[in-house]
Structure formats: C-alpha cells, structure tokens
C-alpha cells in the first residue's frame, strides 16, 4: 500500500477588519453614496482618492456613525455598526480625524487630547498622553496653549493625537494634508507609518493622490458616489487612467 500523503494545511483567509457592503447614504433627499463596497484588512493602510464631491467624506462619516446609511452594511471586527450611534462606533474601536481638524479652539492642547479619551475607563490614559507627547514633541511644548492658536500642522498633529487617545483599532483620517506644507505632510506620513508598524489600521482620505498612494498598501478610487477602481496602491500609481486623472505632470 502506498504511503498516505500528508494533507496540506490550507490557511483560512483572514476576515477583513472593516467590510462595507452595498452602502447607500446621503443628506435628506439628496443621495451621495450608491452601493459602496470596500474592505480594510487588519494592519493595512488603505487610501480613498477621488475628486472633490466624489463622496469620500460622506463615506467616512457613514463609517464613523455620524451619518446613517440608508441601505447596506458596515461590519467592523464582526460587529454590525450600520445604524449605531457614533459613540458605539468609537467604543468598538474606530476613531476619526475629521476634515479641517475640528479641534476645540478655546481649550488647551492637553484638554483636547484628554477629550479623545472620554469613553475610556482604564488606567493607561496618562501613559498614552505621554506617548502622544513623545510622538509629537511640539504638543508637549504647546500643551497649555489654546488649540485654536496652533499652526495648521500643529493642529493636525493634535487632531491625530486626540483620535489616538481613544486607543482605536482603526483610525480614519479625512484630508491628511489639507493646507499643510510638504515637510509637515512628510512628518505626518512618517508618524502614520510608525503607528501602522505598531499594529494600527488606517483608512485615509487624501487629495494629494501621489502622497496617498505612496503611504498606503491598497487604494480605492471614488467618482460620483461610487467605487470605480481599486487595487494595490503601487499598481494604481502606474495605471494610465489614474495617472492621467489625478497625477497631473506625473502622468507625462
């Protein structure tokens, strides 16, 4: 009798941390999203690119619970979040850095950061605050300063740190580089890569498509409320349609 062959063990495909399926959403009677499907794997950096008005911010607001989906599913870590309040989404492990930072301008930097931890009841808040100051040393220097008096780059650092103070599993960042100098954007991207290496999953909306594709591993292209293209960021960087539509002089 011939020897039995060892049965090859097949590793199961990991379930995505975030799965958006058939999501429709809008504002009142004005539909914006039309059947969005999107996945983010655990430990991945995914970027969402597209022109102004494509629906990127609307999708981020829908994921975070700030805008209810009229149809479809938003599953995070096996939990259905569609229809849940924003605080339930935050408690599940999703934090958002909104477009324009939206800091509490009349509060100190330190108090803004502590606001990010308002749902936490563990003993690590002080240690995480120190970690934010280590990551962004300028925030330590400015900790007693009103957040509204910070520069644009400092405000974005504060907004990201505030999101991190909730100890999220995934961070949503809407318009990372908006109004910022290239050197500041490079600094923020380096910080996000370090956070990702430490295990944080990221979903980033970014108008600077070259920056977005260099930062991320996977990209989705939105147009008029629909996903029109997706794939590995390195492949989309060289895709003729993406280069022509979004990369300008780089398309030459």
Protein backbone atom coordinates (compact mmCIF):
# COMPACT_ATOMS: atom_id res chain seq x y z
CA UNK A 1 0.00 0.00 0.00
CA UNK A 2 1.48 3.34 -0.96
CA UNK A 3 2.21 5.69 1.92
CA UNK A 4 -0.52 8.19 2.73
CA UNK A 5 0.29 11.72 1.72
CA UNK A 6 0.16 14.32 4.38
CA UNK A 7 -2.84 16.56 3.88
CA UNK A 8 -1.70 20.05 3.10
CA UNK A 9 -2.96 22.55 5.63
CA UNK A 10 -4.73 25.45 3.97
CA UNK A 11 -4.63 28.70 5.93
CA UNK A 12 -8.02 30.37 6.13
CA UNK A 13 -8.40 33.78 4.54
CA UNK A 14 -8.45 36.36 7.29
CA UNK A 15 -11.71 38.22 7.70
CA UNK A 16 -11.25 41.95 6.98
CA UNK A 17 -11.31 44.23 9.98
CA UNK A 18 -13.75 46.52 8.16
CA UNK A 19 -16.20 45.39 5.50
CA UNK A 20 -18.55 47.87 3.83
CA UNK A 21 -21.18 46.20 1.66
CA UNK A 22 -23.74 47.86 -0.59
CA UNK A 23 -23.81 51.10 1.39
CA UNK A 24 -26.10 53.92 0.27
CA UNK A 25 -26.19 57.23 2.14
CA UNK A 26 -26.94 60.90 1.60
CA UNK A 27 -28.29 64.07 3.11
CA UNK A 28 -32.06 64.32 3.30
CA UNK A 29 -33.45 63.60 -0.14
CA UNK A 30 -30.05 64.01 -1.81
CA UNK A 31 -28.31 60.63 -2.33
CA UNK A 32 -24.50 60.71 -2.32
CA UNK A 33 -23.29 57.09 -1.98
CA UNK A 34 -24.51 54.41 -4.35
CA UNK A 35 -23.79 50.84 -3.25
CA UNK A 36 -20.27 51.20 -1.84
CA UNK A 37 -18.24 48.02 -1.32
CA UNK A 38 -14.90 48.38 0.45
CA UNK A 39 -12.69 46.25 2.69
CA UNK A 40 -9.82 47.09 5.03
CA UNK A 41 -7.65 44.25 6.30
CA UNK A 42 -6.29 44.29 9.82
CA UNK A 43 -2.93 46.10 9.92
CA UNK A 44 -3.39 47.70 6.49
CA UNK A 45 -3.22 51.29 5.29
CA UNK A 46 -5.99 51.95 2.77
CA UNK A 47 -6.45 55.24 0.97
CA UNK A 48 -9.58 56.64 -0.63
CA UNK A 49 -8.96 59.01 -3.53
CA UNK A 50 -11.14 60.96 -5.93
CA UNK A 51 -12.12 64.46 -6.92
CA UNK A 52 -13.99 66.93 -4.72
CA UNK A 53 -17.62 65.92 -4.41
CA UNK A 54 -16.95 62.25 -5.10
CA UNK A 55 -18.40 61.23 -1.72
CA UNK A 56 -15.24 60.43 0.23
CA UNK A 57 -16.11 62.45 3.32
CA UNK A 58 -19.68 61.17 3.23
CA UNK A 59 -18.34 57.62 3.30
CA UNK A 60 -16.06 58.40 6.25
CA UNK A 61 -18.98 59.97 8.12
CA UNK A 62 -21.09 56.90 7.40
CA UNK A 63 -18.41 54.53 8.70
CA UNK A 64 -17.98 56.56 11.90
CA UNK A 65 -21.73 56.69 12.51
CA UNK A 66 -22.08 60.44 12.08
CA UNK A 67 -24.30 59.85 9.04
CA UNK A 68 -26.71 56.90 8.93
CA UNK A 69 -26.62 54.56 5.95
CA UNK A 70 -29.95 54.29 4.16
CA UNK A 71 -29.03 50.79 3.00
CA UNK A 72 -26.16 48.34 3.26
CA UNK A 73 -23.85 47.03 5.94
CA UNK A 74 -20.82 48.32 7.87
CA UNK A 75 -19.19 45.45 9.75
CA UNK A 76 -16.17 46.11 11.97
CA UNK A 77 -14.47 43.28 13.81
CA UNK A 78 -17.53 41.10 13.20
CA UNK A 79 -19.91 43.74 14.64
CA UNK A 80 -22.59 45.43 12.55
CA UNK A 81 -22.29 49.19 13.02
CA UNK A 82 -24.77 50.48 10.44
CA UNK A 83 -27.49 52.33 12.30
CA UNK A 84 -25.47 52.56 15.52
CA UNK A 85 -24.71 55.85 17.29
CA UNK A 86 -21.24 57.40 16.83
CA UNK A 87 -20.29 56.60 20.43
CA UNK A 88 -20.95 52.91 19.75
CA UNK A 89 -18.63 53.10 16.75
CA UNK A 90 -15.95 54.79 18.86
CA UNK A 91 -16.36 52.20 21.61
CA UNK A 92 -15.98 49.44 19.01
CA UNK A 93 -12.54 50.82 18.10
CA UNK A 94 -12.97 53.32 15.24
CA UNK A 95 -11.79 56.91 15.72
CA UNK A 96 -12.00 59.65 13.11
CA UNK A 97 -9.79 62.66 12.45
CA UNK A 98 -12.27 64.90 10.62
CA UNK A 99 -11.60 67.16 7.68
CA UNK A 100 -10.46 70.55 8.95
CA UNK A 101 -9.28 69.05 12.29
CA UNK A 102 -12.31 70.32 14.28
CA UNK A 103 -10.37 70.96 17.47
CA UNK A 104 -11.92 72.68 20.48
CA UNK A 105 -10.26 76.02 19.75
CA UNK A 106 -10.75 77.61 23.18
CA UNK A 107 -9.48 74.57 25.08
CA UNK A 108 -5.84 73.75 25.73
CA UNK A 109 -3.96 71.19 23.69
CA UNK A 110 -3.84 68.90 26.70
CA UNK A 111 -7.60 69.12 27.25
CA UNK A 112 -8.23 68.43 23.57
CA UNK A 113 -6.16 65.26 23.85
CA UNK A 114 -7.96 64.17 27.01
CA UNK A 115 -11.29 64.68 25.23
CA UNK A 116 -10.22 61.88 22.92
CA UNK A 117 -10.17 59.52 25.90
CA UNK A 118 -13.56 60.47 27.35
CA UNK A 119 -15.02 56.96 26.81
CA UNK A 120 -12.05 55.20 28.39
CA UNK A 121 -12.14 53.81 31.92
CA UNK A 122 -8.72 52.16 32.08
CA UNK A 123 -5.60 53.27 33.88
CA UNK A 124 -3.44 53.87 30.80
CA UNK A 125 -4.70 57.31 29.79
CA UNK A 126 -1.79 59.17 31.41
CA UNK A 127 0.72 56.83 29.75
CA UNK A 128 -0.95 57.31 26.37
CA UNK A 129 -0.91 61.08 26.82
CA UNK A 130 2.83 60.86 27.41
CA UNK A 131 3.11 58.68 24.30
CA UNK A 132 1.40 61.40 22.24
CA UNK A 133 3.84 63.99 23.56
CA UNK A 134 6.74 61.70 22.62
CA UNK A 135 5.33 61.17 19.13
CA UNK A 136 4.64 64.88 18.59
CA UNK A 137 7.06 66.83 20.86
CA UNK A 138 5.62 70.19 19.81
CA UNK A 139 2.36 69.22 21.54
CA UNK A 140 4.21 68.90 24.83
CA UNK A 141 5.61 72.41 24.35
CA UNK A 142 2.14 73.72 23.46
CA UNK A 143 0.11 71.61 25.93
CA UNK A 144 -1.22 74.64 27.86
CA UNK A 145 -1.81 76.73 24.75
CA UNK A 146 -5.28 77.14 23.23
CA UNK A 147 -5.62 74.73 20.32
CA UNK A 148 -7.03 77.46 18.10
CA UNK A 149 -3.70 79.32 18.23
CA UNK A 150 -1.67 76.43 16.80
CA UNK A 151 -0.35 76.39 13.25
CA UNK A 152 -2.10 74.18 10.69
CA UNK A 153 0.47 71.41 11.03
CA UNK A 154 0.36 71.53 14.81
CA UNK A 155 -3.44 71.37 14.73
CA UNK A 156 -3.31 68.26 12.53
CA UNK A 157 -0.86 66.64 14.92
CA UNK A 158 -3.21 67.49 17.79
CA UNK A 159 -6.21 66.10 15.90
CA UNK A 160 -4.41 62.84 15.12
CA UNK A 161 -3.19 62.54 18.72
CA UNK A 162 -6.72 63.21 20.00
CA UNK A 163 -8.01 60.37 17.83
CA UNK A 164 -5.28 58.07 19.09
CA UNK A 165 -6.17 58.85 22.70
CA UNK A 166 -9.30 56.71 22.30
CA UNK A 167 -6.94 53.71 21.80
CA UNK A 168 -8.56 52.78 18.48
CA UNK A 169 -8.11 49.64 16.42
CA UNK A 170 -8.61 51.71 13.27
CA UNK A 171 -8.08 55.42 12.63
CA UNK A 172 -9.97 57.28 9.90
CA UNK A 173 -8.21 60.42 8.64
CA UNK A 174 -10.11 62.78 6.35
CA UNK A 175 -7.78 65.01 4.29
CA UNK A 176 -4.45 64.44 5.98
CA UNK A 177 -2.50 67.11 4.08
CA UNK A 178 -5.16 69.83 3.72
CA UNK A 179 -3.45 73.23 3.83
CA UNK A 180 -0.14 71.86 5.09
CA UNK A 181 3.43 72.36 3.90
CA UNK A 182 5.06 69.33 2.20
CA UNK A 183 7.62 68.94 5.00
CA UNK A 184 4.82 68.72 7.58
CA UNK A 185 2.97 66.17 5.43
CA UNK A 186 6.14 64.06 5.23
CA UNK A 187 6.46 64.19 9.03
CA UNK A 188 2.84 63.12 9.49
CA UNK A 189 3.21 60.28 6.98
CA UNK A 190 6.28 59.02 8.83
CA UNK A 191 4.28 59.05 12.08
CA UNK A 192 1.42 57.13 10.46
CA UNK A 193 3.80 54.51 9.07
CA UNK A 194 5.26 54.05 12.55
CA UNK A 195 1.78 53.67 14.02
CA UNK A 196 0.92 51.14 11.33
CA UNK A 197 4.07 49.13 12.05
CA UNK A 198 2.89 49.04 15.67
CA UNK A 199 -0.38 47.46 14.53
CA UNK A 200 -2.80 50.34 13.86
CA UNK A 201 -5.10 50.00 10.85
CA UNK A 202 -5.67 53.18 8.83
CA UNK A 203 -8.25 54.42 6.31
CA UNK A 204 -7.11 57.73 4.82
CA UNK A 205 -8.85 60.21 2.53
CA UNK A 206 -6.29 62.33 0.74
CA UNK A 207 -6.49 64.88 -2.10
CA UNK A 208 -2.77 64.55 -2.84
CA UNK A 209 -3.03 61.29 -4.76
CA UNK A 210 0.72 60.71 -5.05
CA UNK A 211 1.10 61.04 -1.26
CA UNK A 212 -1.88 58.76 -0.68
CA UNK A 213 -0.61 56.02 -2.97
CA UNK A 214 2.91 56.18 -1.52
CA UNK A 215 1.55 55.93 2.03
CA UNK A 216 -0.97 53.14 1.52
CA UNK A 217 -0.96 49.49 0.54
CA UNK A 218 -4.42 49.42 -1.06
CA UNK A 219 -6.39 52.19 -2.75
CA UNK A 220 -9.98 52.81 -3.79
CA UNK A 221 -10.96 55.43 -6.36
CA UNK A 222 -14.34 57.14 -5.92
CA UNK A 223 -16.32 59.06 -8.51
CA UNK A 224 -19.85 60.44 -8.10
CA UNK A 225 -20.60 58.29 -5.09
CA UNK A 226 -19.33 55.00 -6.45
CA UNK A 227 -16.12 52.98 -6.26
CA UNK A 228 -14.84 52.95 -9.82
CA UNK A 229 -11.45 51.35 -9.31
CA UNK A 230 -9.46 49.57 -6.63
CA UNK A 231 -6.26 47.63 -6.22
CA UNK A 232 -2.76 47.69 -4.83
CA UNK A 233 -1.55 51.25 -4.45
CA UNK A 234 1.69 50.52 -6.31
CA UNK A 235 -0.29 49.24 -9.29
CA UNK A 236 -2.70 52.17 -9.32
CA UNK A 237 0.25 54.58 -9.20
CA UNK A 238 1.18 53.28 -12.66
CA UNK A 239 -2.36 52.87 -14.03
CA UNK A 240 -2.80 55.15 -17.08
CA UNK A 241 -6.31 56.31 -16.11
CA UNK A 242 -5.29 57.15 -12.53
CA UNK A 243 -2.13 58.92 -13.65
CA UNK A 244 -3.99 60.93 -16.27
CA UNK A 245 -6.89 61.92 -13.99
CA UNK A 246 -5.11 62.56 -10.68
CA UNK A 247 -1.34 62.76 -11.01
CA UNK A 248 -1.07 65.68 -13.42
CA UNK A 249 2.51 66.27 -14.53
CA UNK A 250 3.49 62.85 -13.20
CA UNK A 251 1.43 61.33 -15.99
CA UNK A 252 3.97 62.53 -18.57
